């Protein structure tokens, strides 16, 4: 697995990095992922997928995901904004 640089701000590049992680977890590189895509409804992710994605994000960014913050916005952007 690739190691990604830590996020400095929520940019286009962060969305691209998260896309790679989601594609890696789902095995579906044809998923159309946008900043405002809903992780469960639009992308069809399940709870297990989310735990794997969160674990990969925490490992790659060496940061933690604030689950309480994330639970308020279950989108790609919401997940990126919950990394602290």
PDB file of N, CA and C in Angstrom:
ATOM      1  N   UNK A   1       0.833  -1.189   0.000  1.00  0.00           N
ATOM      2  CA  UNK A   1       0.000   0.000   0.000  1.00  0.00           C
ATOM      3  C   UNK A   1       0.877   1.251   0.000  1.00  0.00           C
ATOM      4  N   UNK A   2       0.387   2.259  -0.687  1.00  0.00           N
ATOM      5  CA  UNK A   2       1.109   3.522  -0.747  1.00  0.00           C
ATOM      6  C   UNK A   2       0.985   4.266   0.582  1.00  0.00           C
ATOM      7  N   UNK A   3       1.982   5.093   0.885  1.00  0.00           N
ATOM      8  CA  UNK A   3       1.900   5.982   2.040  1.00  0.00           C
ATOM      9  C   UNK A   3       1.638   7.369   1.495  1.00  0.00           C
ATOM     10  N   UNK A   4       0.602   8.005   2.012  1.00  0.00           N
ATOM     11  CA  UNK A   4       0.196   9.309   1.513  1.00  0.00           C
ATOM     12  C   UNK A   4       0.702  10.404   2.442  1.00  0.00           C
ATOM     13  N   UNK A   5       0.958  11.579   1.905  1.00  0.00           N
ATOM     14  CA  UNK A   5       1.392  12.689   2.758  1.00  0.00           C
ATOM     15  C   UNK A   5       0.249  13.160   3.665  1.00  0.00           C
ATOM     16  N   UNK A   6       0.575  13.694   4.828  1.00  0.00           N
ATOM     17  CA  UNK A   6      -0.484  14.187   5.728  1.00  0.00           C
ATOM     18  C   UNK A   6      -1.183  15.400   5.142  1.00  0.00           C
ATOM     19  N   UNK A   7      -2.456  15.580   5.486  1.00  0.00           N
ATOM     20  CA  UNK A   7      -3.186  16.726   4.939  1.00  0.00           C
ATOM     21  C   UNK A   7      -2.790  18.027   5.618  1.00  0.00           C
ATOM     22  N   UNK A   8      -2.542  19.069   4.824  1.00  0.00           N
ATOM     23  CA  UNK A   8      -2.325  20.396   5.392  1.00  0.00           C
ATOM     24  C   UNK A   8      -3.640  21.173   5.386  1.00  0.00           C
ATOM     25  N   UNK A   9      -4.398  21.014   4.338  1.00  0.00           N
ATOM     26  CA  UNK A   9      -5.722  21.620   4.256  1.00  0.00           C
ATOM     27  C   UNK A   9      -6.599  20.719   3.406  1.00  0.00           C
ATOM     28  N   UNK A  10      -7.871  20.956   3.459  1.00  0.00           N
ATOM     29  CA  UNK A  10      -8.809  20.108   2.726  1.00  0.00           C
ATOM     30  C   UNK A  10      -8.835  20.533   1.270  1.00  0.00           C
ATOM     31  N   UNK A  11      -8.040  19.892   0.463  1.00  0.00           N
ATOM     32  CA  UNK A  11      -7.893  20.295  -0.927  1.00  0.00           C
ATOM     33  C   UNK A  11      -8.335  19.184  -1.864  1.00  0.00           C
ATOM     34  N   UNK A  12      -8.245  19.491  -3.124  1.00  0.00           N
ATOM     35  CA  UNK A  12      -8.538  18.535  -4.174  1.00  0.00           C
ATOM     36  C   UNK A  12      -7.682  17.281  -3.995  1.00  0.00           C
ATOM     37  N   UNK A  13      -6.425  17.476  -3.634  1.00  0.00           N
ATOM     38  CA  UNK A  13      -5.528  16.346  -3.478  1.00  0.00           C
ATOM     39  C   UNK A  13      -6.008  15.405  -2.378  1.00  0.00           C
ATOM     40  N   UNK A  14      -6.518  15.925  -1.276  1.00  0.00           N
ATOM     41  CA  UNK A  14      -7.032  15.074  -0.203  1.00  0.00           C
ATOM     42  C   UNK A  14      -8.174  14.204  -0.706  1.00  0.00           C
ATOM     43  N   UNK A  15      -9.046  14.774  -1.530  1.00  0.00           N
ATOM     44  CA  UNK A  15     -10.158  14.005  -2.083  1.00  0.00           C
ATOM     45  C   UNK A  15      -9.604  12.892  -2.961  1.00  0.00           C
ATOM     46  N   UNK A  16      -8.580  13.197  -3.750  1.00  0.00           N
ATOM     47  CA  UNK A  16      -7.975  12.182  -4.606  1.00  0.00           C
ATOM     48  C   UNK A  16      -7.369  11.049  -3.783  1.00  0.00           C
ATOM     49  N   UNK A  17      -6.722  11.377  -2.685  1.00  0.00           N
ATOM     50  CA  UNK A  17      -6.132  10.353  -1.820  1.00  0.00           C
ATOM     51  C   UNK A  17      -7.213   9.483  -1.188  1.00  0.00           C
ATOM     52  N   UNK A  18      -8.300  10.096  -0.743  1.00  0.00           N
ATOM     53  CA  UNK A  18      -9.389   9.329  -0.153  1.00  0.00           C
ATOM     54  C   UNK A  18     -10.051   8.443  -1.207  1.00  0.00           C
ATOM     55  N   UNK A  19     -10.166   8.946  -2.433  1.00  0.00           N
ATOM     56  CA  UNK A  19     -10.708   8.126  -3.517  1.00  0.00           C
ATOM     57  C   UNK A  19      -9.891   6.845  -3.673  1.00  0.00           C
ATOM     58  N   UNK A  20      -8.568   6.980  -3.663  1.00  0.00           N
ATOM     59  CA  UNK A  20      -7.698   5.807  -3.804  1.00  0.00           C
ATOM     60  C   UNK A  20      -7.948   4.800  -2.686  1.00  0.00           C
ATOM     61  N   UNK A  21      -8.127   5.296  -1.475  1.00  0.00           N
ATOM     62  CA  UNK A  21      -8.384   4.408  -0.344  1.00  0.00           C
ATOM     63  C   UNK A  21      -9.730   3.713  -0.510  1.00  0.00           C
ATOM     64  N   UNK A  22     -10.756   4.463  -0.902  1.00  0.00           N
ATOM     65  CA  UNK A  22     -12.087   3.867  -1.091  1.00  0.00           C
ATOM     66  C   UNK A  22     -12.037   2.830  -2.209  1.00  0.00           C
ATOM     67  N   UNK A  23     -11.368   3.145  -3.309  1.00  0.00           N
ATOM     68  CA  UNK A  23     -11.249   2.179  -4.409  1.00  0.00           C
ATOM     69  C   UNK A  23     -10.504   0.931  -3.954  1.00  0.00           C
ATOM     70  N   UNK A  24      -9.480   1.128  -3.129  1.00  0.00           N
ATOM     71  CA  UNK A  24      -8.698   0.003  -2.613  1.00  0.00           C
ATOM     72  C   UNK A  24      -9.573  -0.908  -1.744  1.00  0.00           C
ATOM     73  N   UNK A  25     -10.380  -0.318  -0.888  1.00  0.00           N
ATOM     74  CA  UNK A  25     -11.228  -1.087   0.024  1.00  0.00           C
ATOM     75  C   UNK A  25     -12.364  -1.790  -0.729  1.00  0.00           C
ATOM     76  N   UNK A  26     -12.984  -1.073  -1.658  1.00  0.00           N
ATOM     77  CA  UNK A  26     -14.128  -1.651  -2.367  1.00  0.00           C
ATOM     78  C   UNK A  26     -13.715  -2.529  -3.542  1.00  0.00           C
ATOM     79  N   UNK A  27     -12.516  -2.320  -4.057  1.00  0.00           N
ATOM     80  CA  UNK A  27     -12.087  -3.030  -5.252  1.00  0.00           C
ATOM     81  C   UNK A  27     -12.807  -2.552  -6.501  1.00  0.00           C
ATOM     82  N   UNK A  28     -13.430  -1.360  -6.415  1.00  0.00           N
ATOM     83  CA  UNK A  28     -14.206  -0.822  -7.528  1.00  0.00           C
ATOM     84  C   UNK A  28     -13.691   0.560  -7.909  1.00  0.00           C
ATOM     85  N   UNK A  29     -12.780   0.606  -8.866  1.00  0.00           N
ATOM     86  CA  UNK A  29     -12.231   1.892  -9.302  1.00  0.00           C
ATOM     87  C   UNK A  29     -13.185   2.660 -10.217  1.00  0.00           C
ATOM     88  N   UNK A  30     -14.351   2.093 -10.504  1.00  0.00           N
ATOM     89  CA  UNK A  30     -15.325   2.774 -11.345  1.00  0.00           C
ATOM     90  C   UNK A  30     -16.304   3.619 -10.531  1.00  0.00           C
ATOM     91  N   UNK A  31     -16.217   3.525  -9.193  1.00  0.00           N
ATOM     92  CA  UNK A  31     -17.079   4.356  -8.349  1.00  0.00           C
ATOM     93  C   UNK A  31     -16.784   5.823  -8.630  1.00  0.00           C
ATOM     94  N   UNK A  32     -17.818   6.603  -8.871  1.00  0.00           N
ATOM     95  CA  UNK A  32     -17.642   8.037  -9.068  1.00  0.00           C
ATOM     96  C   UNK A  32     -17.740   8.710  -7.709  1.00  0.00           C
ATOM     97  N   UNK A  33     -16.621   9.226  -7.247  1.00  0.00           N
ATOM     98  CA  UNK A  33     -16.527   9.783  -5.899  1.00  0.00           C
ATOM     99  C   UNK A  33     -16.290  11.283  -6.002  1.00  0.00           C
ATOM    100  N   UNK A  34     -17.172  12.050  -5.359  1.00  0.00           N
ATOM    101  CA  UNK A  34     -17.063  13.507  -5.301  1.00  0.00           C
ATOM    102  C   UNK A  34     -16.946  13.928  -3.845  1.00  0.00           C
ATOM    103  N   UNK A  35     -16.559  15.185  -3.607  1.00  0.00           N
ATOM    104  CA  UNK A  35     -16.455  15.691  -2.233  1.00  0.00           C
ATOM    105  C   UNK A  35     -17.748  15.519  -1.455  1.00  0.00           C
ATOM    106  N   UNK A  36     -18.865  15.693  -2.116  1.00  0.00           N
ATOM    107  CA  UNK A  36     -20.151  15.664  -1.422  1.00  0.00           C
ATOM    108  C   UNK A  36     -20.859  14.316  -1.532  1.00  0.00           C
ATOM    109  N   UNK A  37     -20.155  13.295  -2.028  1.00  0.00           N
ATOM    110  CA  UNK A  37     -20.747  11.950  -2.104  1.00  0.00           C
ATOM    111  C   UNK A  37     -21.014  11.426  -0.699  1.00  0.00           C
ATOM    112  N   UNK A  38     -22.210  10.883  -0.502  1.00  0.00           N
ATOM    113  CA  UNK A  38     -22.562  10.262   0.779  1.00  0.00           C
ATOM    114  C   UNK A  38     -21.964   8.865   0.795  1.00  0.00           C
ATOM    115  N   UNK A  39     -21.185   8.592   1.819  1.00  0.00           N
ATOM    116  CA  UNK A  39     -20.424   7.348   1.864  1.00  0.00           C
ATOM    117  C   UNK A  39     -21.307   6.105   1.872  1.00  0.00           C
ATOM    118  N   UNK A  40     -22.396   6.147   2.601  1.00  0.00           N
ATOM    119  CA  UNK A  40     -23.280   4.984   2.670  1.00  0.00           C
ATOM    120  C   UNK A  40     -24.275   4.972   1.509  1.00  0.00           C
ATOM    121  N   UNK A  41     -24.972   6.068   1.304  1.00  0.00           N
ATOM    122  CA  UNK A  41     -26.051   6.115   0.311  1.00  0.00           C
ATOM    123  C   UNK A  41     -25.544   6.154  -1.131  1.00  0.00           C
ATOM    124  N   UNK A  42     -24.613   7.054  -1.424  1.00  0.00           N
ATOM    125  CA  UNK A  42     -24.144   7.219  -2.798  1.00  0.00           C
ATOM    126  C   UNK A  42     -23.109   6.166  -3.201  1.00  0.00           C
ATOM    127  N   UNK A  43     -22.211   5.828  -2.270  1.00  0.00           N
ATOM    128  CA  UNK A  43     -21.115   4.922  -2.606  1.00  0.00           C
ATOM    129  C   UNK A  43     -21.372   3.481  -2.181  1.00  0.00           C
ATOM    130  N   UNK A  44     -22.416   3.268  -1.380  1.00  0.00           N
ATOM    131  CA  UNK A  44     -22.788   1.912  -0.988  1.00  0.00           C
ATOM    132  C   UNK A  44     -21.844   1.255  -0.004  1.00  0.00           C
ATOM    133  N   UNK A  45     -21.115   2.061   0.767  1.00  0.00           N
ATOM    134  CA  UNK A  45     -20.206   1.488   1.753  1.00  0.00           C
ATOM    135  C   UNK A  45     -20.989   0.949   2.950  1.00  0.00           C
ATOM    136  N   UNK A  46     -20.451  -0.069   3.587  1.00  0.00           N
ATOM    137  CA  UNK A  46     -21.067  -0.624   4.791  1.00  0.00           C
ATOM    138  C   UNK A  46     -20.213  -0.237   6.003  1.00  0.00           C
ATOM    139  N   UNK A  47     -20.671  -0.581   7.183  1.00  0.00           N
ATOM    140  CA  UNK A  47     -19.960  -0.239   8.422  1.00  0.00           C
ATOM    141  C   UNK A  47     -18.552  -0.811   8.429  1.00  0.00           C
ATOM    142  N   UNK A  48     -18.420  -2.053   7.964  1.00  0.00           N
ATOM    143  CA  UNK A  48     -17.092  -2.671   7.934  1.00  0.00           C
ATOM    144  C   UNK A  48     -16.167  -1.907   6.992  1.00  0.00           C
ATOM    145  N   UNK A  49     -16.663  -1.540   5.809  1.00  0.00           N
ATOM    146  CA  UNK A  49     -15.859  -0.748   4.870  1.00  0.00           C
ATOM    147  C   UNK A  49     -15.381   0.539   5.540  1.00  0.00           C
ATOM    148  N   UNK A  50     -16.273   1.190   6.256  1.00  0.00           N
ATOM    149  CA  UNK A  50     -15.923   2.460   6.901  1.00  0.00           C
ATOM    150  C   UNK A  50     -14.852   2.272   7.966  1.00  0.00           C
ATOM    151  N   UNK A  51     -14.939   1.198   8.736  1.00  0.00           N
ATOM    152  CA  UNK A  51     -13.922   0.959   9.760  1.00  0.00           C
ATOM    153  C   UNK A  51     -12.558   0.706   9.114  1.00  0.00           C
ATOM    154  N   UNK A  52     -12.548  -0.025   8.007  1.00  0.00           N
ATOM    155  CA  UNK A  52     -11.291  -0.266   7.295  1.00  0.00           C
ATOM    156  C   UNK A  52     -10.747   1.047   6.735  1.00  0.00           C
ATOM    157  N   UNK A  53     -11.611   1.849   6.122  1.00  0.00           N
ATOM    158  CA  UNK A  53     -11.193   3.135   5.554  1.00  0.00           C
ATOM    159  C   UNK A  53     -10.649   4.054   6.637  1.00  0.00           C
ATOM    160  N   UNK A  54     -11.347   4.134   7.757  1.00  0.00           N
ATOM    161  CA  UNK A  54     -10.889   4.978   8.862  1.00  0.00           C
ATOM    162  C   UNK A  54      -9.537   4.486   9.376  1.00  0.00           C
ATOM    163  N   UNK A  55      -9.381   3.174   9.512  1.00  0.00           N
ATOM    164  CA  UNK A  55      -8.101   2.616   9.953  1.00  0.00           C
ATOM    165  C   UNK A  55      -6.978   2.957   8.993  1.00  0.00           C
ATOM    166  N   UNK A  56      -7.228   2.846   7.694  1.00  0.00           N
ATOM    167  CA  UNK A  56      -6.212   3.193   6.697  1.00  0.00           C
ATOM    168  C   UNK A  56      -5.877   4.680   6.744  1.00  0.00           C
ATOM    169  N   UNK A  57      -6.902   5.520   6.872  1.00  0.00           N
ATOM    170  CA  UNK A  57      -6.652   6.971   6.976  1.00  0.00           C
ATOM    171  C   UNK A  57      -5.786   7.282   8.193  1.00  0.00           C
ATOM    172  N   UNK A  58      -6.126   6.684   9.316  1.00  0.00           N
ATOM    173  CA  UNK A  58      -5.364   6.954  10.544  1.00  0.00           C
ATOM    174  C   UNK A  58      -3.924   6.471  10.406  1.00  0.00           C
ATOM    175  N   UNK A  59      -3.734   5.320   9.782  1.00  0.00           N
ATOM    176  CA  UNK A  59      -2.374   4.814   9.571  1.00  0.00           C
ATOM    177  C   UNK A  59      -1.591   5.683   8.598  1.00  0.00           C
ATOM    178  N   UNK A  60      -2.204   6.055   7.500  1.00  0.00           N
ATOM    179  CA  UNK A  60      -1.511   6.802   6.455  1.00  0.00           C
ATOM    180  C   UNK A  60      -1.225   8.251   6.856  1.00  0.00           C
ATOM    181  N   UNK A  61      -2.181   8.891   7.533  1.00  0.00           N
ATOM    182  CA  UNK A  61      -2.011  10.284   7.929  1.00  0.00           C
ATOM    183  C   UNK A  61      -1.365  10.431   9.298  1.00  0.00           C
ATOM    184  N   UNK A  62      -1.252   9.330  10.039  1.00  0.00           N
ATOM    185  CA  UNK A  62      -0.722   9.379  11.414  1.00  0.00           C
ATOM    186  C   UNK A  62      -1.518  10.379  12.261  1.00  0.00           C
ATOM    187  N   UNK A  63      -2.815  10.410  12.016  1.00  0.00           N
ATOM    188  CA  UNK A  63      -3.760  11.266  12.738  1.00  0.00           C
ATOM    189  C   UNK A  63      -4.924  10.389  13.155  1.00  0.00           C
ATOM    190  N   UNK A  64      -5.870  10.953  13.871  1.00  0.00           N
ATOM    191  CA  UNK A  64      -7.063  10.189  14.235  1.00  0.00           C
ATOM    192  C   UNK A  64      -8.298  10.829  13.608  1.00  0.00           C
ATOM    193  N   UNK A  65      -9.316   9.997  13.423  1.00  0.00           N
ATOM    194  CA  UNK A  65     -10.584  10.467  12.884  1.00  0.00           C
ATOM    195  C   UNK A  65     -11.532  10.669  14.068  1.00  0.00           C
ATOM    196  N   UNK A  66     -12.056  11.871  14.185  1.00  0.00           N
ATOM    197  CA  UNK A  66     -13.015  12.191  15.244  1.00  0.00           C
ATOM    198  C   UNK A  66     -14.378  11.640  14.821  1.00  0.00           C
ATOM    199  N   UNK A  67     -14.727  10.490  15.373  1.00  0.00           N
ATOM    200  CA  UNK A  67     -15.948   9.790  14.973  1.00  0.00           C
ATOM    201  C   UNK A  67     -17.192  10.635  15.247  1.00  0.00           C
ATOM    202  N   UNK A  68     -17.205  11.363  16.367  1.00  0.00           N
ATOM    203  CA  UNK A  68     -18.355  12.211  16.691  1.00  0.00           C
ATOM    204  C   UNK A  68     -18.532  13.302  15.632  1.00  0.00           C
ATOM    205  N   UNK A  69     -17.443  13.928  15.244  1.00  0.00           N
ATOM    206  CA  UNK A  69     -17.482  14.962  14.197  1.00  0.00           C
ATOM    207  C   UNK A  69     -17.913  14.335  12.869  1.00  0.00           C
ATOM    208  N   UNK A  70     -17.355  13.194  12.543  1.00  0.00           N
ATOM    209  CA  UNK A  70     -17.668  12.518  11.289  1.00  0.00           C
ATOM    210  C   UNK A  70     -19.130  12.094  11.224  1.00  0.00           C
ATOM    211  N   UNK A  71     -19.697  11.685  12.349  1.00  0.00           N
ATOM    212  CA  UNK A  71     -21.084  11.206  12.350  1.00  0.00           C
ATOM    213  C   UNK A  71     -22.085  12.310  12.004  1.00  0.00           C
ATOM    214  N   UNK A  72     -21.645  13.574  12.065  1.00  0.00           N
ATOM    215  CA  UNK A  72     -22.508  14.698  11.695  1.00  0.00           C
ATOM    216  C   UNK A  72     -22.522  14.974  10.200  1.00  0.00           C
ATOM    217  N   UNK A  73     -21.555  14.424   9.470  1.00  0.00           N
ATOM    218  CA  UNK A  73     -21.455  14.664   8.028  1.00  0.00           C
ATOM    219  C   UNK A  73     -20.843  13.428   7.383  1.00  0.00           C
ATOM    220  N   UNK A  74     -21.677  12.505   6.947  1.00  0.00           N
ATOM    221  CA  UNK A  74     -21.210  11.220   6.422  1.00  0.00           C
ATOM    222  C   UNK A  74     -20.906  11.284   4.920  1.00  0.00           C
ATOM    223  N   UNK A  75     -20.159  12.331   4.543  1.00  0.00           N
ATOM    224  CA  UNK A  75     -19.750  12.502   3.152  1.00  0.00           C
ATOM    225  C   UNK A  75     -18.229  12.363   3.076  1.00  0.00           C
ATOM    226  N   UNK A  76     -17.718  12.333   1.854  1.00  0.00           N
ATOM    227  CA  UNK A  76     -16.267  12.306   1.645  1.00  0.00           C
ATOM    228  C   UNK A  76     -15.633  13.507   2.330  1.00  0.00           C
ATOM    229  N   UNK A  77     -16.193  14.670   2.119  1.00  0.00           N
ATOM    230  CA  UNK A  77     -15.668  15.889   2.722  1.00  0.00           C
ATOM    231  C   UNK A  77     -15.781  15.837   4.249  1.00  0.00           C
ATOM    232  N   UNK A  78     -16.886  15.317   4.756  1.00  0.00           N
ATOM    233  CA  UNK A  78     -17.066  15.195   6.195  1.00  0.00           C
ATOM    234  C   UNK A  78     -16.008  14.308   6.818  1.00  0.00           C
ATOM    235  N   UNK A  79     -15.666  13.232   6.133  1.00  0.00           N
ATOM    236  CA  UNK A  79     -14.625  12.337   6.641  1.00  0.00           C
ATOM    237  C   UNK A  79     -13.280  13.050   6.650  1.00  0.00           C
ATOM    238  N   UNK A  80     -12.958  13.753   5.584  1.00  0.00           N
ATOM    239  CA  UNK A  80     -11.689  14.495   5.541  1.00  0.00           C
ATOM    240  C   UNK A  80     -11.629  15.569   6.618  1.00  0.00           C
ATOM    241  N   UNK A  81     -12.750  16.237   6.863  1.00  0.00           N
ATOM    242  CA  UNK A  81     -12.786  17.294   7.878  1.00  0.00           C
ATOM    243  C   UNK A  81     -12.696  16.756   9.295  1.00  0.00           C
ATOM    244  N   UNK A  82     -12.911  15.473   9.469  1.00  0.00           N
ATOM    245  CA  UNK A  82     -12.880  14.902  10.818  1.00  0.00           C
ATOM    246  C   UNK A  82     -11.510  14.340  11.179  1.00  0.00           C
ATOM    247  N   UNK A  83     -10.534  14.489  10.293  1.00  0.00           N
ATOM    248  CA  UNK A  83      -9.167  14.037  10.593  1.00  0.00           C
ATOM    249  C   UNK A  83      -8.478  15.096  11.437  1.00  0.00           C
ATOM    250  N   UNK A  84      -8.001  14.674  12.608  1.00  0.00           N
ATOM    251  CA  UNK A  84      -7.317  15.620  13.521  1.00  0.00           C
ATOM    252  C   UNK A  84      -6.013  15.022  13.990  1.00  0.00           C
TER     253      UNK A  84
END
